[in-house]
Amino acid sequence: MKEFSDPAVATIFEQYPERCRKALLALRELIFDTAAELAVVGVLEESLKWNQPSYATKATKSGSPIRIDRFGDKKIALFFHCQTTLVEEFRALFSDVFEFSKNRAIVLDPEKESPINELAFCIERALTYHKKG
């Protein structure tokens, strides 16, 4: 597991219920692993935005930030900037795979296995959003 560079982010993860924490940590790893495979992304900045773990391409500005958090009492979500077309694109491609919340989020059940390839695709699109051509 990648070390936390920001103690405040580590504290947030410690506060999640166990059933959510494991799945959110797996999403965190997938975000960092996906970013590492994309030279255009550069180093990700992990911080808190609205008290949620946030992952941004501050160095290269290649993408749109991704936040992760609980969604209601029983689910978790990847949140995307609502003024992008990301969730609209994901819904068109993966409406049979994911649950969505408006134009903001992909909603997941932490008790179920996540579709890793589809999630990695969505993460890559967010991290390279400003580089689409």
Protein backbone atom coordinates (compact mmCIF):
# COMPACT_ATOMS: atom_id res chain seq x y z
CA MET A 1 0.00 0.00 0.00
CA LYS A 2 1.23 3.48 -0.88
CA GLU A 3 2.21 5.52 2.14
CA PHE A 4 0.08 8.53 3.05
CA SER A 5 1.88 11.83 2.51
CA ASP A 6 -0.82 13.79 4.34
CA PRO A 7 -1.62 12.66 7.91
CA ALA A 8 -5.10 14.21 7.65
CA VAL A 9 -5.92 11.86 4.76
CA ALA A 10 -4.67 8.88 6.76
CA THR A 11 -6.90 9.93 9.65
CA ILE A 12 -9.97 10.04 7.38
CA PHE A 13 -9.29 6.49 6.21
CA GLU A 14 -8.92 5.32 9.82
CA GLN A 15 -12.35 6.76 10.62
CA TYR A 16 -14.21 4.79 7.93
CA PRO A 17 -16.10 1.69 9.05
CA GLU A 18 -14.09 -1.43 8.22
CA ARG A 19 -16.49 -2.56 5.48
CA CYS A 20 -15.94 0.73 3.63
CA ARG A 21 -12.28 1.27 4.53
CA LYS A 22 -11.02 -1.82 2.71
CA ALA A 23 -12.87 -0.96 -0.51
CA LEU A 24 -11.87 2.73 -0.36
CA LEU A 25 -8.22 1.79 0.18
CA ALA A 26 -8.46 -0.50 -2.87
CA LEU A 27 -9.86 2.42 -4.91
CA ARG A 28 -7.02 4.61 -3.66
CA GLU A 29 -4.47 2.04 -4.81
CA LEU A 30 -6.17 1.73 -8.20
CA ILE A 31 -6.04 5.51 -8.63
CA PHE A 32 -2.31 5.62 -7.85
CA ASP A 33 -1.56 2.52 -9.97
CA THR A 34 -3.48 3.93 -12.93
CA ALA A 35 -1.77 7.31 -12.61
CA ALA A 36 1.66 5.64 -12.48
CA GLU A 37 1.01 4.09 -15.90
CA LEU A 38 0.24 7.47 -17.49
CA ALA A 39 3.31 9.63 -18.09
CA VAL A 40 1.14 12.67 -18.88
CA VAL A 41 -0.34 12.63 -15.36
CA GLY A 42 2.84 13.11 -13.35
CA VAL A 43 2.78 12.92 -9.56
CA LEU A 44 -0.69 12.86 -8.02
CA GLU A 45 -1.48 15.17 -5.16
CA GLU A 46 -3.45 13.46 -2.39
CA SER A 47 -5.30 15.85 -0.11
CA LEU A 48 -8.67 16.45 1.48
CA LYS A 49 -11.39 18.37 -0.37
CA TRP A 50 -14.70 18.74 1.45
CA ASN A 51 -13.25 16.30 4.01
CA GLN A 52 -12.96 13.61 1.33
CA PRO A 53 -9.74 12.05 -0.02
CA SER A 54 -8.98 13.84 -3.29
CA TYR A 55 -6.53 12.97 -6.08
CA ALA A 56 -5.44 15.74 -8.42
CA THR A 57 -2.95 16.21 -11.24
CA LYS A 58 -1.61 19.49 -9.82
CA ALA A 59 1.83 19.19 -11.45
CA THR A 60 0.65 18.59 -15.02
CA LYS A 61 -2.98 19.76 -14.82
CA SER A 62 -3.77 16.88 -17.20
CA GLY A 63 -6.95 15.84 -15.47
CA SER A 64 -9.94 16.52 -13.34
CA PRO A 65 -9.77 15.66 -9.63
CA ILE A 66 -11.24 12.43 -8.30
CA ARG A 67 -12.61 12.19 -4.77
CA ILE A 68 -13.58 9.01 -2.94
CA ASP A 69 -15.83 8.60 0.08
CA ARG A 70 -18.78 6.82 1.59
CA PHE A 71 -22.08 7.25 -0.19
CA GLY A 72 -24.94 7.01 2.24
CA ASP A 73 -24.72 4.34 4.90
CA LYS A 74 -23.94 1.29 2.81
CA LYS A 75 -22.13 2.35 -0.37
CA ILE A 76 -18.97 4.11 -1.52
CA ALA A 77 -18.35 6.35 -4.51
CA LEU A 78 -15.85 7.94 -6.84
CA PHE A 79 -16.82 11.58 -7.27
CA PHE A 80 -15.98 13.63 -10.36
CA HIS A 81 -16.31 17.34 -11.07
CA CYS A 82 -19.94 17.94 -12.03
CA GLN A 83 -19.07 20.41 -14.78
CA THR A 84 -17.16 17.79 -16.76
CA THR A 85 -18.72 15.28 -19.14
CA LEU A 86 -17.06 12.37 -17.34
CA VAL A 87 -20.06 10.77 -15.65
CA GLU A 88 -22.14 11.27 -18.80
CA GLU A 89 -19.45 9.39 -20.76
CA PHE A 90 -19.20 6.64 -18.15
CA ARG A 91 -22.98 6.22 -18.07
CA ALA A 92 -23.05 5.83 -21.88
CA LEU A 93 -20.34 3.17 -21.75
CA PHE A 94 -21.08 1.34 -18.51
CA SER A 95 -24.76 1.78 -17.61
CA ASP A 96 -25.00 -2.00 -17.25
CA VAL A 97 -21.95 -2.13 -14.96
CA PHE A 98 -22.20 0.83 -12.55
CA GLU A 99 -24.75 2.70 -10.50
CA PHE A 100 -24.48 6.47 -10.93
CA SER A 101 -25.48 9.49 -8.91
CA LYS A 102 -26.57 12.34 -11.19
CA ASN A 103 -23.55 13.82 -13.02
CA ARG A 104 -21.27 13.45 -9.99
CA ALA A 105 -20.42 9.90 -9.06
CA ILE A 106 -19.97 6.22 -9.71
CA VAL A 107 -21.56 4.40 -6.77
CA LEU A 108 -20.24 1.01 -5.62
CA ASP A 109 -21.24 -1.61 -3.10
CA PRO A 110 -18.17 -2.25 -0.91
CA GLU A 111 -19.41 -5.79 -0.23
CA LYS A 112 -19.22 -6.74 -3.92
CA GLU A 113 -16.20 -7.22 -6.16
CA SER A 114 -15.57 -4.06 -8.17
CA PRO A 115 -15.15 -4.19 -11.96
CA ILE A 116 -11.47 -3.20 -11.95
CA ASN A 117 -10.94 -2.79 -15.70
CA GLU A 118 -13.93 -0.49 -16.06
CA LEU A 119 -12.93 1.51 -12.98
CA ALA A 120 -9.36 1.86 -14.26
CA PHE A 121 -10.73 3.17 -17.58
CA CYS A 122 -12.86 5.77 -15.77
CA ILE A 123 -9.95 6.82 -13.55
CA GLU A 124 -7.67 7.16 -16.59
CA ARG A 125 -10.27 9.34 -18.38
CA ALA A 126 -10.56 11.61 -15.33
CA LEU A 127 -6.78 11.90 -14.86
CA THR A 128 -6.33 12.81 -18.55
CA TYR A 129 -9.56 14.79 -19.02
CA HIS A 130 -7.83 18.00 -20.15
CA LYS A 131 -5.64 16.09 -22.62
CA LYS A 132 -8.48 14.58 -24.64
CA GLY A 133 -8.32 15.53 -28.21
